[in-house]
């Protein structure tokens, strides 16, 4: 049997519990057709690069599959029929990753940083000094040419 990685994107308005149900249904489908699903990873609700079927975000999920090609074709057929799935891709690989995928490793690295995923943007920066703005009452008069203070 061949090894595959399948990533699918579910619509943004679908609850997370339903995405888990879809993932389990797809895994069961592969298992019934003689394959195995070694890993299921939910990557979360993420922004799409461009709109797909009027969606700006989607629930991403990864499946690592060891199955015959007929099982993968049936899985893809089922995904294309399901209206909650907006995109999917299946790639044949030489070997499956054992640990967390690169996406999960990256999100773990972001959470380890201070200040969240953007880092410490402002740090211990001193507050901006107050200065009079144009039209403020009580601002110090500015000397013009020919006048002395």
Protein backbone atom coordinates (compact mmCIF):
# COMPACT_ATOMS: atom_id res chain seq x y z
CA UNK A 1 0.00 0.00 0.00
CA UNK A 2 1.06 3.57 -0.63
CA UNK A 3 1.50 6.41 1.86
CA UNK A 4 -0.44 9.65 1.47
CA UNK A 5 -0.89 13.00 3.21
CA UNK A 6 -4.33 14.55 2.84
CA UNK A 7 -5.14 18.11 3.90
CA UNK A 8 -8.67 19.41 3.68
CA UNK A 9 -10.26 22.77 4.45
CA UNK A 10 -13.75 22.95 5.91
CA UNK A 11 -15.94 26.05 5.76
CA UNK A 12 -15.46 28.74 8.40
CA UNK A 13 -19.04 28.59 9.70
CA UNK A 14 -18.83 24.87 10.53
CA UNK A 15 -18.30 24.25 14.28
CA UNK A 16 -15.09 22.55 15.41
CA UNK A 17 -17.04 19.53 16.68
CA UNK A 18 -18.46 18.97 13.21
CA UNK A 19 -14.96 19.20 11.71
CA UNK A 20 -13.87 16.45 14.13
CA UNK A 21 -16.89 14.38 13.07
CA UNK A 22 -15.96 14.83 9.39
CA UNK A 23 -12.37 13.81 10.15
CA UNK A 24 -13.56 10.65 11.91
CA UNK A 25 -15.94 9.84 9.02
CA UNK A 26 -13.11 10.16 6.49
CA UNK A 27 -10.80 8.04 8.64
CA UNK A 28 -13.51 5.38 8.99
CA UNK A 29 -14.05 5.40 5.22
CA UNK A 30 -10.35 4.76 4.60
CA UNK A 31 -10.28 2.03 7.27
CA UNK A 32 -13.32 0.27 5.75
CA UNK A 33 -11.60 0.22 2.35
CA UNK A 34 -8.49 -1.52 3.69
CA UNK A 35 -6.29 1.37 4.75
CA UNK A 36 -5.13 2.94 7.98
CA UNK A 37 -5.03 6.53 9.22
CA UNK A 38 -1.92 6.93 11.36
CA UNK A 39 -2.32 10.60 12.29
CA UNK A 40 -5.12 13.18 12.42
CA UNK A 41 -4.10 16.79 13.11
CA UNK A 42 -6.48 19.71 13.44
CA UNK A 43 -4.56 22.85 12.52
CA UNK A 44 -7.31 25.26 13.52
CA UNK A 45 -9.28 28.05 11.91
CA UNK A 46 -6.88 29.91 9.64
CA UNK A 47 -7.15 32.75 7.16
CA UNK A 48 -7.19 31.84 3.49
CA UNK A 49 -4.89 33.62 1.05
CA UNK A 50 -7.86 34.43 -1.17
CA UNK A 51 -11.60 33.86 -1.00
CA UNK A 52 -12.79 30.36 -1.85
CA UNK A 53 -16.52 29.94 -2.37
CA UNK A 54 -17.18 33.17 -0.43
CA UNK A 55 -15.09 32.02 2.57
CA UNK A 56 -12.23 34.05 4.02
CA UNK A 57 -11.22 31.45 6.64
CA UNK A 58 -11.26 27.69 6.94
CA UNK A 59 -10.69 24.80 9.34
CA UNK A 60 -7.53 22.95 8.27
CA UNK A 61 -7.03 19.24 9.00
CA UNK A 62 -4.22 16.82 8.08
CA UNK A 63 -4.62 13.04 7.65
CA UNK A 64 -1.68 10.65 7.25
CA UNK A 65 -2.96 7.66 5.30
CA UNK A 66 -1.57 4.22 4.43
CA UNK A 67 -4.08 2.85 1.94
CA UNK A 68 -4.58 1.46 -1.56
CA UNK A 69 -5.24 3.95 -4.34
CA UNK A 70 -8.92 2.89 -4.60
CA UNK A 71 -9.48 4.00 -1.00
CA UNK A 72 -7.86 7.38 -1.67
CA UNK A 73 -9.96 7.89 -4.81
CA UNK A 74 -13.12 7.13 -2.83
CA UNK A 75 -11.99 9.52 -0.08
CA UNK A 76 -11.44 12.30 -2.61
CA UNK A 77 -14.81 11.58 -4.26
CA UNK A 78 -16.54 11.81 -0.88
CA UNK A 79 -14.75 15.08 -0.08
CA UNK A 80 -15.74 16.60 -3.42
CA UNK A 81 -19.41 15.75 -2.78
CA UNK A 82 -19.44 17.12 0.79
CA UNK A 83 -20.57 20.75 0.81
CA UNK A 84 -18.70 21.55 4.05
CA UNK A 85 -15.31 20.84 2.41
CA UNK A 86 -14.13 23.77 0.28
CA UNK A 87 -10.70 22.40 -0.75
CA UNK A 88 -8.61 19.28 -0.34
CA UNK A 89 -5.31 17.91 -1.60
CA UNK A 90 -3.83 14.43 -1.39
CA UNK A 91 -0.11 13.92 -1.95
CA UNK A 92 1.71 10.61 -2.19
CA UNK A 93 4.82 10.58 0.02
CA UNK A 94 7.76 8.21 0.51
CA UNK A 95 7.38 8.13 4.29
CA UNK A 96 5.03 9.61 6.87
CA UNK A 97 6.19 11.98 9.59
CA UNK A 98 5.97 10.46 13.05
CA UNK A 99 5.95 13.61 15.19
CA UNK A 100 3.93 16.77 14.82
CA UNK A 101 3.81 18.35 11.37
CA UNK A 102 5.69 21.52 10.47
CA UNK A 103 2.55 23.61 10.96
CA UNK A 104 2.09 22.34 14.52
CA UNK A 105 5.79 22.81 15.33
CA UNK A 106 5.66 26.40 14.10
CA UNK A 107 2.58 27.22 16.16
CA UNK A 108 4.27 25.72 19.24
CA UNK A 109 7.32 27.93 18.64
CA UNK A 110 5.09 31.01 18.39
CA UNK A 111 3.40 30.27 21.68
CA UNK A 112 6.81 29.99 23.41
CA UNK A 113 7.71 33.57 22.50
CA UNK A 114 7.03 36.39 24.95
CA UNK A 115 4.24 38.67 23.83
CA UNK A 116 2.44 36.00 21.78
CA UNK A 117 3.19 35.35 18.14
CA UNK A 118 4.25 38.93 17.34
CA UNK A 119 7.04 39.10 19.84
CA UNK A 120 7.59 41.92 22.27
CA UNK A 121 6.75 44.82 19.97
CA UNK A 122 7.00 47.75 22.32
CA UNK A 123 9.15 46.43 25.16
CA UNK A 124 9.96 48.96 27.83
CA UNK A 125 9.69 51.88 25.47
CA UNK A 126 9.22 55.19 27.31
CA UNK A 127 5.97 57.04 26.66
CA UNK A 128 5.92 59.60 23.89
CA UNK A 129 6.67 63.07 25.15
CA UNK A 130 3.80 65.47 25.20
CA UNK A 131 4.06 68.28 22.72
CA UNK A 132 1.56 70.95 21.71
CA UNK A 133 -0.46 70.15 18.64
CA UNK A 134 -1.54 72.57 15.96
CA UNK A 135 -4.39 74.70 17.22
CA UNK A 136 -3.95 73.76 20.89
CA UNK A 137 -4.73 76.51 23.35
CA UNK A 138 -1.89 77.36 25.68
CA UNK A 139 0.81 76.33 23.27
CA UNK A 140 4.00 78.30 23.48
CA UNK A 141 4.11 81.03 20.82
CA UNK A 142 6.66 80.47 18.12
CA UNK A 143 8.94 83.38 17.21
CA UNK A 144 8.77 84.38 13.60
CA UNK A 145 11.37 86.17 11.54
CA UNK A 146 11.90 89.74 12.64
CA UNK A 147 10.40 89.22 16.10
CA UNK A 148 12.33 88.59 19.21
CA UNK A 149 11.19 86.59 22.18
